[in-house]
Amino acid sequence: MLKSERMADEESSETQTEADTPNTIGDVMGATTDAALNGVDIDVVAVLGTADLKVSQILQLGRGAVVELDRLINEPIDIRAERQLVARGEVVIVEDRLAIQLTEVVQSSRPK
């Protein structure tokens, strides 16, 4: 292979086209849209942050207690499906409810 051909191959492999970029969580997780899976329930959790507390500290918590989390105000929150990180987002208010606006879909580390 000529040097120019090798460089062209390297450039094309480094360039990711829009068609290759996952657009949905289903794309990232390799989920199929098969009708058999559409009715399956999974747990989706929005993790605002975490805190390490001893049981004695938890037992002392009362109404109005504040637990400091390990995240800053502007940091994205994690969205997990069945304990696997699938996306990141930010908290928004929709009418009178809290919601999550996805800002990033995370590439799955599971083998396909």
PDB file of N, CA and C in Angstrom:
ATOM      1  N   MET A   1       0.850  -1.173   0.000  1.00  0.00           N
ATOM      2  CA  MET A   1       0.000   0.000   0.000  1.00  0.00           C
ATOM      3  C   MET A   1       0.893   1.232   0.000  1.00  0.00           C
ATOM      4  N   LEU A   2       0.534   2.190  -0.806  1.00  0.00           N
ATOM      5  CA  LEU A   2       1.288   3.423  -0.890  1.00  0.00           C
ATOM      6  C   LEU A   2       1.038   4.280   0.341  1.00  0.00           C
ATOM      7  N   LYS A   3       1.983   5.161   0.649  1.00  0.00           N
ATOM      8  CA  LYS A   3       1.883   6.026   1.825  1.00  0.00           C
ATOM      9  C   LYS A   3       0.634   6.897   1.759  1.00  0.00           C
ATOM     10  N   SER A   4       0.311   7.450   0.590  1.00  0.00           N
ATOM     11  CA  SER A   4      -0.865   8.318   0.466  1.00  0.00           C
ATOM     12  C   SER A   4      -2.152   7.536   0.673  1.00  0.00           C
ATOM     13  N   GLU A   5      -2.200   6.271   0.198  1.00  0.00           N
ATOM     14  CA  GLU A   5      -3.380   5.443   0.413  1.00  0.00           C
ATOM     15  C   GLU A   5      -3.548   5.111   1.893  1.00  0.00           C
ATOM     16  N   ARG A   6      -2.431   4.815   2.562  1.00  0.00           N
ATOM     17  CA  ARG A   6      -2.478   4.491   3.990  1.00  0.00           C
ATOM     18  C   ARG A   6      -2.977   5.699   4.783  1.00  0.00           C
ATOM     19  N   MET A   7      -2.507   6.901   4.436  1.00  0.00           N
ATOM     20  CA  MET A   7      -2.954   8.118   5.123  1.00  0.00           C
ATOM     21  C   MET A   7      -4.436   8.356   4.876  1.00  0.00           C
ATOM     22  N   ALA A   8      -4.913   8.112   3.663  1.00  0.00           N
ATOM     23  CA  ALA A   8      -6.328   8.294   3.350  1.00  0.00           C
ATOM     24  C   ALA A   8      -7.180   7.311   4.150  1.00  0.00           C
ATOM     25  N   ASP A   9      -6.710   6.049   4.263  1.00  0.00           N
ATOM     26  CA  ASP A   9      -7.425   5.057   5.057  1.00  0.00           C
ATOM     27  C   ASP A   9      -7.489   5.458   6.523  1.00  0.00           C
ATOM     28  N   GLU A  10      -6.379   5.958   7.064  1.00  0.00           N
ATOM     29  CA  GLU A  10      -6.357   6.389   8.465  1.00  0.00           C
ATOM     30  C   GLU A  10      -7.304   7.554   8.683  1.00  0.00           C
ATOM     31  N   GLU A  11      -7.319   8.514   7.771  1.00  0.00           N
ATOM     32  CA  GLU A  11      -8.208   9.666   7.909  1.00  0.00           C
ATOM     33  C   GLU A  11      -9.663   9.241   7.842  1.00  0.00           C
ATOM     34  N   SER A  12     -10.003   8.345   6.939  1.00  0.00           N
ATOM     35  CA  SER A  12     -11.395   7.925   6.810  1.00  0.00           C
ATOM     36  C   SER A  12     -11.842   7.115   8.020  1.00  0.00           C
ATOM     37  N   SER A  13     -10.937   6.359   8.624  1.00  0.00           N
ATOM     38  CA  SER A  13     -11.316   5.598   9.808  1.00  0.00           C
ATOM     39  C   SER A  13     -11.461   6.503  11.025  1.00  0.00           C
ATOM     40  N   GLU A  14     -10.756   7.633  11.054  1.00  0.00           N
ATOM     41  CA  GLU A  14     -10.858   8.558  12.182  1.00  0.00           C
ATOM     42  C   GLU A  14     -12.081   9.439  12.069  1.00  0.00           C
ATOM     43  N   THR A  15     -12.549   9.691  10.863  1.00  0.00           N
ATOM     44  CA  THR A  15     -13.687  10.569  10.658  1.00  0.00           C
ATOM     45  C   THR A  15     -14.960   9.777  10.854  1.00  0.00           C
ATOM     46  N   GLN A  16     -15.792  10.247  11.788  1.00  0.00           N
ATOM     47  CA  GLN A  16     -17.048   9.574  12.055  1.00  0.00           C
ATOM     48  C   GLN A  16     -18.156  10.366  11.383  1.00  0.00           C
ATOM     49  N   THR A  17     -18.907   9.714  10.522  1.00  0.00           N
ATOM     50  CA  THR A  17     -19.979  10.402   9.816  1.00  0.00           C
ATOM     51  C   THR A  17     -21.191  10.524  10.718  1.00  0.00           C
ATOM     52  N   GLU A  18     -22.095  11.393  10.323  1.00  0.00           N
ATOM     53  CA  GLU A  18     -23.310  11.590  11.106  1.00  0.00           C
ATOM     54  C   GLU A  18     -24.131  10.313  11.147  1.00  0.00           C
ATOM     55  N   ALA A  19     -24.099   9.524  10.070  1.00  0.00           N
ATOM     56  CA  ALA A  19     -24.837   8.267  10.037  1.00  0.00           C
ATOM     57  C   ALA A  19     -24.294   7.280  11.062  1.00  0.00           C
ATOM     58  N   ASP A  20     -23.012   7.367  11.403  1.00  0.00           N
ATOM     59  CA  ASP A  20     -22.409   6.459  12.375  1.00  0.00           C
ATOM     60  C   ASP A  20     -22.658   6.901  13.810  1.00  0.00           C
ATOM     61  N   THR A  21     -23.045   8.139  14.019  1.00  0.00           N
ATOM     62  CA  THR A  21     -23.247   8.674  15.355  1.00  0.00           C
ATOM     63  C   THR A  21     -24.608   8.238  15.887  1.00  0.00           C
ATOM     64  N   PRO A  22     -24.638   7.608  17.075  1.00  0.00           N
ATOM     65  CA  PRO A  22     -25.921   7.170  17.627  1.00  0.00           C
ATOM     66  C   PRO A  22     -26.780   8.372  17.998  1.00  0.00           C
ATOM     67  N   ASN A  23     -28.070   8.276  17.684  1.00  0.00           N
ATOM     68  CA  ASN A  23     -28.996   9.372  17.952  1.00  0.00           C
ATOM     69  C   ASN A  23     -29.934   9.090  19.106  1.00  0.00           C
ATOM     70  N   THR A  24     -30.107   7.829  19.449  1.00  0.00           N
ATOM     71  CA  THR A  24     -31.017   7.477  20.527  1.00  0.00           C
ATOM     72  C   THR A  24     -30.346   6.501  21.470  1.00  0.00           C
ATOM     73  N   ILE A  25     -30.943   6.334  22.632  1.00  0.00           N
ATOM     74  CA  ILE A  25     -30.423   5.372  23.593  1.00  0.00           C
ATOM     75  C   ILE A  25     -30.509   3.969  23.008  1.00  0.00           C
ATOM     76  N   GLY A  26     -31.556   3.687  22.240  1.00  0.00           N
ATOM     77  CA  GLY A  26     -31.689   2.386  21.592  1.00  0.00           C
ATOM     78  C   GLY A  26     -30.548   2.112  20.636  1.00  0.00           C
ATOM     79  N   ASP A  27     -30.106   3.148  19.907  1.00  0.00           N
ATOM     80  CA  ASP A  27     -28.970   2.985  19.000  1.00  0.00           C
ATOM     81  C   ASP A  27     -27.711   2.620  19.771  1.00  0.00           C
ATOM     82  N   VAL A  28     -27.496   3.288  20.902  1.00  0.00           N
ATOM     83  CA  VAL A  28     -26.282   3.064  21.683  1.00  0.00           C
ATOM     84  C   VAL A  28     -26.277   1.678  22.312  1.00  0.00           C
ATOM     85  N   MET A  29     -27.377   1.257  22.861  1.00  0.00           N
ATOM     86  CA  MET A  29     -27.437  -0.026  23.542  1.00  0.00           C
ATOM     87  C   MET A  29     -27.603  -1.184  22.565  1.00  0.00           C
ATOM     88  N   GLY A  30     -27.780  -0.880  21.292  1.00  0.00           N
ATOM     89  CA  GLY A  30     -27.956  -1.936  20.312  1.00  0.00           C
ATOM     90  C   GLY A  30     -29.320  -2.581  20.430  1.00  0.00           C
ATOM     91  N   ALA A  31     -30.284  -1.848  20.972  1.00  0.00           N
ATOM     92  CA  ALA A  31     -31.619  -2.394  21.193  1.00  0.00           C
ATOM     93  C   ALA A  31     -32.341  -2.574  19.863  1.00  0.00           C
ATOM     94  N   THR A  32     -33.083  -3.616  19.795  1.00  0.00           N
ATOM     95  CA  THR A  32     -33.892  -3.869  18.613  1.00  0.00           C
ATOM     96  C   THR A  32     -35.268  -3.269  18.813  1.00  0.00           C
ATOM     97  N   THR A  33     -35.940  -2.918  17.747  1.00  0.00           N
ATOM     98  CA  THR A  33     -37.291  -2.388  17.862  1.00  0.00           C
ATOM     99  C   THR A  33     -38.309  -3.491  17.658  1.00  0.00           C
ATOM    100  N   ASP A  34     -37.871  -4.716  17.866  1.00  0.00           N
ATOM    101  CA  ASP A  34     -38.746  -5.866  17.735  1.00  0.00           C
ATOM    102  C   ASP A  34     -39.953  -5.705  18.657  1.00  0.00           C
ATOM    103  N   ALA A  35     -41.133  -6.020  18.160  1.00  0.00           N
ATOM    104  CA  ALA A  35     -42.372  -5.843  18.913  1.00  0.00           C
ATOM    105  C   ALA A  35     -42.369  -6.619  20.225  1.00  0.00           C
ATOM    106  N   ALA A  36     -41.647  -7.721  20.300  1.00  0.00           N
ATOM    107  CA  ALA A  36     -41.610  -8.518  21.530  1.00  0.00           C
ATOM    108  C   ALA A  36     -40.968  -7.762  22.678  1.00  0.00           C
ATOM    109  N   LEU A  37     -40.074  -6.813  22.383  1.00  0.00           N
ATOM    110  CA  LEU A  37     -39.384  -6.076  23.439  1.00  0.00           C
ATOM    111  C   LEU A  37     -40.083  -4.782  23.823  1.00  0.00           C
ATOM    112  N   ASN A  38     -40.975  -4.301  23.004  1.00  0.00           N
ATOM    113  CA  ASN A  38     -41.597  -2.996  23.251  1.00  0.00           C
ATOM    114  C   ASN A  38     -42.403  -2.945  24.537  1.00  0.00           C
ATOM    115  N   GLY A  39     -42.894  -4.053  25.035  1.00  0.00           N
ATOM    116  CA  GLY A  39     -43.693  -4.055  26.255  1.00  0.00           C
ATOM    117  C   GLY A  39     -42.911  -4.376  27.517  1.00  0.00           C
ATOM    118  N   VAL A  40     -41.589  -4.530  27.415  1.00  0.00           N
ATOM    119  CA  VAL A  40     -40.771  -4.903  28.567  1.00  0.00           C
ATOM    120  C   VAL A  40     -40.464  -3.665  29.407  1.00  0.00           C
ATOM    121  N   ASP A  41     -40.741  -3.757  30.706  1.00  0.00           N
ATOM    122  CA  ASP A  41     -40.439  -2.659  31.629  1.00  0.00           C
ATOM    123  C   ASP A  41     -39.002  -2.774  32.118  1.00  0.00           C
ATOM    124  N   ILE A  42     -38.316  -1.632  32.178  1.00  0.00           N
ATOM    125  CA  ILE A  42     -36.992  -1.582  32.788  1.00  0.00           C
ATOM    126  C   ILE A  42     -36.948  -0.390  33.730  1.00  0.00           C
ATOM    127  N   ASP A  43     -36.077  -0.464  34.712  1.00  0.00           N
ATOM    128  CA  ASP A  43     -35.908   0.640  35.648  1.00  0.00           C
ATOM    129  C   ASP A  43     -34.982   1.680  35.036  1.00  0.00           C
ATOM    130  N   VAL A  44     -35.439   2.918  34.974  1.00  0.00           N
ATOM    131  CA  VAL A  44     -34.617   4.033  34.525  1.00  0.00           C
ATOM    132  C   VAL A  44     -34.474   4.979  35.710  1.00  0.00           C
ATOM    133  N   VAL A  45     -33.232   5.314  36.046  1.00  0.00           N
ATOM    134  CA  VAL A  45     -32.945   6.120  37.229  1.00  0.00           C
ATOM    135  C   VAL A  45     -32.147   7.344  36.824  1.00  0.00           C
ATOM    136  N   ALA A  46     -32.538   8.505  37.336  1.00  0.00           N
ATOM    137  CA  ALA A  46     -31.772   9.737  37.151  1.00  0.00           C
ATOM    138  C   ALA A  46     -30.994   9.974  38.435  1.00  0.00           C
ATOM    139  N   VAL A  47     -29.666   9.921  38.341  1.00  0.00           N
ATOM    140  CA  VAL A  47     -28.812  10.049  39.519  1.00  0.00           C
ATOM    141  C   VAL A  47     -28.360  11.503  39.630  1.00  0.00           C
ATOM    142  N   LEU A  48     -28.910  12.209  40.606  1.00  0.00           N
ATOM    143  CA  LEU A  48     -28.550  13.609  40.822  1.00  0.00           C
ATOM    144  C   LEU A  48     -27.188  13.735  41.486  1.00  0.00           C
ATOM    145  N   GLY A  49     -26.807  12.727  42.231  1.00  0.00           N
ATOM    146  CA  GLY A  49     -25.528  12.731  42.943  1.00  0.00           C
ATOM    147  C   GLY A  49     -25.564  11.661  44.004  1.00  0.00           C
ATOM    148  N   THR A  50     -24.447  11.474  44.674  1.00  0.00           N
ATOM    149  CA  THR A  50     -24.380  10.470  45.724  1.00  0.00           C
ATOM    150  C   THR A  50     -23.746  11.071  46.975  1.00  0.00           C
ATOM    151  N   ALA A  51     -23.967  10.404  48.100  1.00  0.00           N
ATOM    152  CA  ALA A  51     -23.365  10.811  49.363  1.00  0.00           C
ATOM    153  C   ALA A  51     -23.065   9.552  50.165  1.00  0.00           C
ATOM    154  N   ASP A  52     -21.937   9.528  50.833  1.00  0.00           N
ATOM    155  CA  ASP A  52     -21.583   8.409  51.706  1.00  0.00           C
ATOM    156  C   ASP A  52     -21.976   8.773  53.129  1.00  0.00           C
ATOM    157  N   LEU A  53     -22.912   8.007  53.681  1.00  0.00           N
ATOM    158  CA  LEU A  53     -23.373   8.232  55.044  1.00  0.00           C
ATOM    159  C   LEU A  53     -23.321   6.932  55.820  1.00  0.00           C
ATOM    160  N   LYS A  54     -23.032   7.033  57.090  1.00  0.00           N
ATOM    161  CA  LYS A  54     -23.097   5.881  57.977  1.00  0.00           C
ATOM    162  C   LYS A  54     -24.548   5.681  58.390  1.00  0.00           C
ATOM    163  N   VAL A  55     -24.890   4.467  58.768  1.00  0.00           N
ATOM    164  CA  VAL A  55     -26.257   4.167  59.186  1.00  0.00           C
ATOM    165  C   VAL A  55     -26.660   5.085  60.331  1.00  0.00           C
ATOM    166  N   SER A  56     -25.759   5.349  61.255  1.00  0.00           N
ATOM    167  CA  SER A  56     -26.083   6.227  62.394  1.00  0.00           C
ATOM    168  C   SER A  56     -26.435   7.634  61.913  1.00  0.00           C
ATOM    169  N   GLN A  57     -25.768   8.096  60.842  1.00  0.00           N
ATOM    170  CA  GLN A  57     -26.084   9.421  60.301  1.00  0.00           C
ATOM    171  C   GLN A  57     -27.457   9.418  59.634  1.00  0.00           C
ATOM    172  N   ILE A  58     -27.776   8.349  58.933  1.00  0.00           N
ATOM    173  CA  ILE A  58     -29.083   8.251  58.270  1.00  0.00           C
ATOM    174  C   ILE A  58     -30.200   8.233  59.307  1.00  0.00           C
ATOM    175  N   LEU A  59     -29.992   7.516  60.409  1.00  0.00           N
ATOM    176  CA  LEU A  59     -31.007   7.435  61.459  1.00  0.00           C
ATOM    177  C   LEU A  59     -31.244   8.783  62.131  1.00  0.00           C
ATOM    178  N   GLN A  60     -30.261   9.677  62.085  1.00  0.00           N
ATOM    179  CA  GLN A  60     -30.405  10.995  62.699  1.00  0.00           C
ATOM    180  C   GLN A  60     -31.073  12.015  61.777  1.00  0.00           C
ATOM    181  N   LEU A  61     -31.264  11.662  60.508  1.00  0.00           N
ATOM    182  CA  LEU A  61     -31.890  12.604  59.580  1.00  0.00           C
ATOM    183  C   LEU A  61     -33.345  12.827  59.960  1.00  0.00           C
ATOM    184  N   GLY A  62     -33.774  14.025  59.848  1.00  0.00           N
ATOM    185  CA  GLY A  62     -35.156  14.359  60.130  1.00  0.00           C
ATOM    186  C   GLY A  62     -35.682  15.310  59.069  1.00  0.00           C
ATOM    187  N   ARG A  63     -36.907  15.713  59.232  1.00  0.00           N
ATOM    188  CA  ARG A  63     -37.532  16.637  58.286  1.00  0.00           C
ATOM    189  C   ARG A  63     -36.690  17.909  58.198  1.00  0.00           C
ATOM    190  N   GLY A  64     -36.387  18.331  56.963  1.00  0.00           N
ATOM    191  CA  GLY A  64     -35.600  19.533  56.750  1.00  0.00           C
ATOM    192  C   GLY A  64     -34.100  19.300  56.723  1.00  0.00           C
ATOM    193  N   ALA A  65     -33.662  18.056  56.950  1.00  0.00           N
ATOM    194  CA  ALA A  65     -32.228  17.750  56.919  1.00  0.00           C
ATOM    195  C   ALA A  65     -31.703  17.933  55.497  1.00  0.00           C
ATOM    196  N   VAL A  66     -30.467  18.356  55.396  1.00  0.00           N
ATOM    197  CA  VAL A  66     -29.818  18.563  54.101  1.00  0.00           C
ATOM    198  C   VAL A  66     -28.683  17.561  53.969  1.00  0.00           C
ATOM    199  N   VAL A  67     -28.681  16.827  52.864  1.00  0.00           N
ATOM    200  CA  VAL A  67     -27.610  15.877  52.573  1.00  0.00           C
ATOM    201  C   VAL A  67     -26.859  16.422  51.369  1.00  0.00           C
ATOM    202  N   GLU A  68     -25.584  16.721  51.560  1.00  0.00           N
ATOM    203  CA  GLU A  68     -24.766  17.265  50.482  1.00  0.00           C
ATOM    204  C   GLU A  68     -24.365  16.146  49.527  1.00  0.00           C
ATOM    205  N   LEU A  69     -24.564  16.383  48.231  1.00  0.00           N
ATOM    206  CA  LEU A  69     -24.232  15.406  47.207  1.00  0.00           C
ATOM    207  C   LEU A  69     -22.877  15.731  46.593  1.00  0.00           C
ATOM    208  N   ASP A  70     -22.331  14.778  45.851  1.00  0.00           N
ATOM    209  CA  ASP A  70     -20.993  14.937  45.278  1.00  0.00           C
ATOM    210  C   ASP A  70     -20.984  15.656  43.922  1.00  0.00           C
ATOM    211  N   ARG A  71     -22.076  16.259  43.513  1.00  0.00           N
ATOM    212  CA  ARG A  71     -22.150  16.945  42.217  1.00  0.00           C
ATOM    213  C   ARG A  71     -22.291  18.444  42.421  1.00  0.00           C
ATOM    214  N   LEU A  72     -21.768  19.183  41.451  1.00  0.00           N
ATOM    215  CA  LEU A  72     -21.941  20.629  41.447  1.00  0.00           C
ATOM    216  C   LEU A  72     -23.240  20.973  40.725  1.00  0.00           C
ATOM    217  N   ILE A  73     -23.692  22.198  40.859  1.00  0.00           N
ATOM    218  CA  ILE A  73     -24.977  22.620  40.295  1.00  0.00           C
ATOM    219  C   ILE A  73     -25.046  22.420  38.788  1.00  0.00           C
ATOM    220  N   ASN A  74     -24.027  22.783  38.053  1.00  0.00           N
ATOM    221  CA  ASN A  74     -24.089  22.729  36.596  1.00  0.00           C
ATOM    222  C   ASN A  74     -23.594  21.418  35.993  1.00  0.00           C
ATOM    223  N   GLU A  75     -23.219  20.455  36.822  1.00  0.00           N
ATOM    224  CA  GLU A  75     -22.763  19.168  36.297  1.00  0.00           C
ATOM    225  C   GLU A  75     -23.949  18.365  35.782  1.00  0.00           C
ATOM    226  N   PRO A  76     -23.753  17.637  34.672  1.00  0.00           N
ATOM    227  CA  PRO A  76     -24.854  16.808  34.161  1.00  0.00           C
ATOM    228  C   PRO A  76     -25.153  15.657  35.112  1.00  0.00           C
ATOM    229  N   ILE A  77     -26.401  15.216  35.090  1.00  0.00           N
ATOM    230  CA  ILE A  77     -26.781  14.075  35.912  1.00  0.00           C
ATOM    231  C   ILE A  77     -26.719  12.813  35.057  1.00  0.00           C
ATOM    232  N   ASP A  78     -26.576  11.667  35.696  1.00  0.00           N
ATOM    233  CA  ASP A  78     -26.486  10.389  34.989  1.00  0.00           C
ATOM    234  C   ASP A  78     -27.872   9.774  34.850  1.00  0.00           C
ATOM    235  N   ILE A  79     -28.140   9.199  33.682  1.00  0.00           N
ATOM    236  CA  ILE A  79     -29.365   8.448  33.440  1.00  0.00           C
ATOM    237  C   ILE A  79     -28.939   6.994  33.285  1.00  0.00           C
ATOM    238  N   ARG A  80     -29.478   6.131  34.135  1.00  0.00           N
ATOM    239  CA  ARG A  80     -29.110   4.718  34.111  1.00  0.00           C
ATOM    240  C   ARG A  80     -30.344   3.872  33.802  1.00  0.00           C
ATOM    241  N   ALA A  81     -30.163   2.883  32.950  1.00  0.00           N
ATOM    242  CA  ALA A  81     -31.203   1.896  32.654  1.00  0.00           C
ATOM    243  C   ALA A  81     -30.667   0.555  33.108  1.00  0.00           C
ATOM    244  N   GLU A  82     -31.372  -0.065  34.048  1.00  0.00           N
ATOM    245  CA  GLU A  82     -30.915  -1.322  34.622  1.00  0.00           C
ATOM    246  C   GLU A  82     -29.467  -1.227  35.093  1.00  0.00           C
ATOM    247  N   ARG A  83     -29.149  -0.147  35.796  1.00  0.00           N
ATOM    248  CA  ARG A  83     -27.849   0.134  36.410  1.00  0.00           C
ATOM    249  C   ARG A  83     -26.736   0.468  35.422  1.00  0.00           C
ATOM    250  N   GLN A  84     -27.028   0.506  34.140  1.00  0.00           N
ATOM    251  CA  GLN A  84     -26.001   0.838  33.149  1.00  0.00           C
ATOM    252  C   GLN A  84     -26.195   2.282  32.696  1.00  0.00           C
ATOM    253  N   LEU A  85     -25.096   3.042  32.689  1.00  0.00           N
ATOM    254  CA  LEU A  85     -25.140   4.424  32.242  1.00  0.00           C
ATOM    255  C   LEU A  85     -25.501   4.465  30.760  1.00  0.00           C
ATOM    256  N   VAL A  86     -26.582   5.176  30.423  1.00  0.00           N
ATOM    257  CA  VAL A  86     -27.012   5.252  29.022  1.00  0.00           C
ATOM    258  C   VAL A  86     -27.030   6.681  28.495  1.00  0.00           C
ATOM    259  N   ALA A  87     -27.097   7.658  29.406  1.00  0.00           N
ATOM    260  CA  ALA A  87     -27.168   9.050  28.951  1.00  0.00           C
ATOM    261  C   ALA A  87     -26.817   9.982  30.096  1.00  0.00           C
ATOM    262  N   ARG A  88     -26.625  11.242  29.740  1.00  0.00           N
ATOM    263  CA  ARG A  88     -26.456  12.316  30.720  1.00  0.00           C
ATOM    264  C   ARG A  88     -27.441  13.414  30.353  1.00  0.00           C
ATOM    265  N   GLY A  89     -27.818  14.193  31.346  1.00  0.00           N
ATOM    266  CA  GLY A  89     -28.793  15.234  31.071  1.00  0.00           C
ATOM    267  C   GLY A  89     -28.803  16.295  32.143  1.00  0.00           C
ATOM    268  N   GLU A  90     -29.806  17.153  32.037  1.00  0.00           N
ATOM    269  CA  GLU A  90     -29.960  18.227  33.018  1.00  0.00           C
ATOM    270  C   GLU A  90     -31.409  18.276  33.480  1.00  0.00           C
ATOM    271  N   VAL A  91     -31.593  18.724  34.703  1.00  0.00           N
ATOM    272  CA  VAL A  91     -32.928  18.829  35.278  1.00  0.00           C
ATOM    273  C   VAL A  91     -33.607  20.073  34.711  1.00  0.00           C
ATOM    274  N   VAL A  92     -34.842  19.892  34.258  1.00  0.00           N
ATOM    275  CA  VAL A  92     -35.651  21.003  33.760  1.00  0.00           C
ATOM    276  C   VAL A  92     -37.027  20.911  34.409  1.00  0.00           C
ATOM    277  N   ILE A  93     -37.777  21.995  34.330  1.00  0.00           N
ATOM    278  CA  ILE A  93     -39.142  22.013  34.855  1.00  0.00           C
ATOM    279  C   ILE A  93     -40.094  22.063  33.674  1.00  0.00           C
ATOM    280  N   VAL A  94     -41.031  21.115  33.647  1.00  0.00           N
ATOM    281  CA  VAL A  94     -42.056  21.067  32.610  1.00  0.00           C
ATOM    282  C   VAL A  94     -43.390  21.210  33.332  1.00  0.00           C
ATOM    283  N   GLU A  95     -44.054  22.334  33.068  1.00  0.00           N
ATOM    284  CA  GLU A  95     -45.262  22.712  33.802  1.00  0.00           C
ATOM    285  C   GLU A  95     -44.926  22.746  35.286  1.00  0.00           C
ATOM    286  N   ASP A  96     -45.476  21.843  36.089  1.00  0.00           N
ATOM    287  CA  ASP A  96     -45.167  21.861  37.525  1.00  0.00           C
ATOM    288  C   ASP A  96     -44.420  20.602  37.962  1.00  0.00           C
ATOM    289  N   ARG A  97     -43.737  19.958  37.017  1.00  0.00           N
ATOM    290  CA  ARG A  97     -43.012  18.726  37.324  1.00  0.00           C
ATOM    291  C   ARG A  97     -41.538  18.843  36.943  1.00  0.00           C
ATOM    292  N   LEU A  98     -40.707  18.084  37.663  1.00  0.00           N
ATOM    293  CA  LEU A  98     -39.298  17.977  37.287  1.00  0.00           C
ATOM    294  C   LEU A  98     -39.183  16.993  36.135  1.00  0.00           C
ATOM    295  N   ALA A  99     -38.265  17.258  35.231  1.00  0.00           N
ATOM    296  CA  ALA A  99     -38.015  16.369  34.095  1.00  0.00           C
ATOM    297  C   ALA A  99     -36.523  16.374  33.801  1.00  0.00           C
ATOM    298  N   ILE A 100     -36.104  15.490  32.937  1.00  0.00           N
ATOM    299  CA  ILE A 100     -34.711  15.396  32.525  1.00  0.00           C
ATOM    300  C   ILE A 100     -34.637  15.650  31.030  1.00  0.00           C
ATOM    301  N   GLN A 101     -33.789  16.583  30.633  1.00  0.00           N
ATOM    302  CA  GLN A 101     -33.522  16.827  29.217  1.00  0.00           C
ATOM    303  C   GLN A 101     -32.190  16.167  28.901  1.00  0.00           C
ATOM    304  N   LEU A 102     -32.199  15.199  27.977  1.00  0.00           N
ATOM    305  CA  LEU A 102     -30.974  14.492  27.635  1.00  0.00           C
ATOM    306  C   LEU A 102     -30.047  15.416  26.864  1.00  0.00           C
ATOM    307  N   THR A 103     -28.793  15.443  27.281  1.00  0.00           N
ATOM    308  CA  THR A 103     -27.793  16.266  26.603  1.00  0.00           C
ATOM    309  C   THR A 103     -26.737  15.419  25.918  1.00  0.00           C
ATOM    310  N   GLU A 104     -26.633  14.148  26.324  1.00  0.00           N
ATOM    311  CA  GLU A 104     -25.620  13.266  25.754  1.00  0.00           C
ATOM    312  C   GLU A 104     -26.087  11.825  25.880  1.00  0.00           C
ATOM    313  N   VAL A 105     -25.984  11.082  24.815  1.00  0.00           N
ATOM    314  CA  VAL A 105     -26.238   9.640  24.854  1.00  0.00           C
ATOM    315  C   VAL A 105     -24.875   8.970  24.929  1.00  0.00           C
ATOM    316  N   VAL A 106     -24.710   8.084  25.913  1.00  0.00           N
ATOM    317  CA  VAL A 106     -23.413   7.491  26.199  1.00  0.00           C
ATOM    318  C   VAL A 106     -23.266   6.192  25.423  1.00  0.00           C
ATOM    319  N   GLN A 107     -22.112   6.018  24.799  1.00  0.00           N
ATOM    320  CA  GLN A 107     -21.805   4.805  24.029  1.00  0.00           C
ATOM    321  C   GLN A 107     -21.779   3.601  24.960  1.00  0.00           C
ATOM    322  N   SER A 108     -22.434   2.523  24.582  1.00  0.00           N
ATOM    323  CA  SER A 108     -22.466   1.315  25.393  1.00  0.00           C
ATOM    324  C   SER A 108     -21.126   0.610  25.383  1.00  0.00           C
ATOM    325  N   SER A 109     -20.740   0.084  26.523  1.00  0.00           N
ATOM    326  CA  SER A 109     -19.495  -0.673  26.604  1.00  0.00           C
ATOM    327  C   SER A 109     -19.761  -2.172  26.482  1.00  0.00           C
ATOM    328  N   ARG A 110     -21.036  -2.544  26.336  1.00  0.00           N
ATOM    329  CA  ARG A 110     -21.391  -3.960  26.184  1.00  0.00           C
ATOM    330  C   ARG A 110     -20.991  -4.463  24.805  1.00  0.00           C
ATOM    331  N   PRO A 111     -20.505  -5.686  24.732  1.00  0.00           N
ATOM    332  CA  PRO A 111     -20.212  -6.261  23.410  1.00  0.00           C
ATOM    333  C   PRO A 111     -21.518  -6.534  22.682  1.00  0.00           C
ATOM    334  N   LYS A 112     -21.521  -6.275  21.369  1.00  0.00           N
ATOM    335  CA  LYS A 112     -22.749  -6.499  20.585  1.00  0.00           C
ATOM    336  C   LYS A 112     -22.776  -7.874  20.007  1.00  0.00           C
TER     337      LYS A 112
END
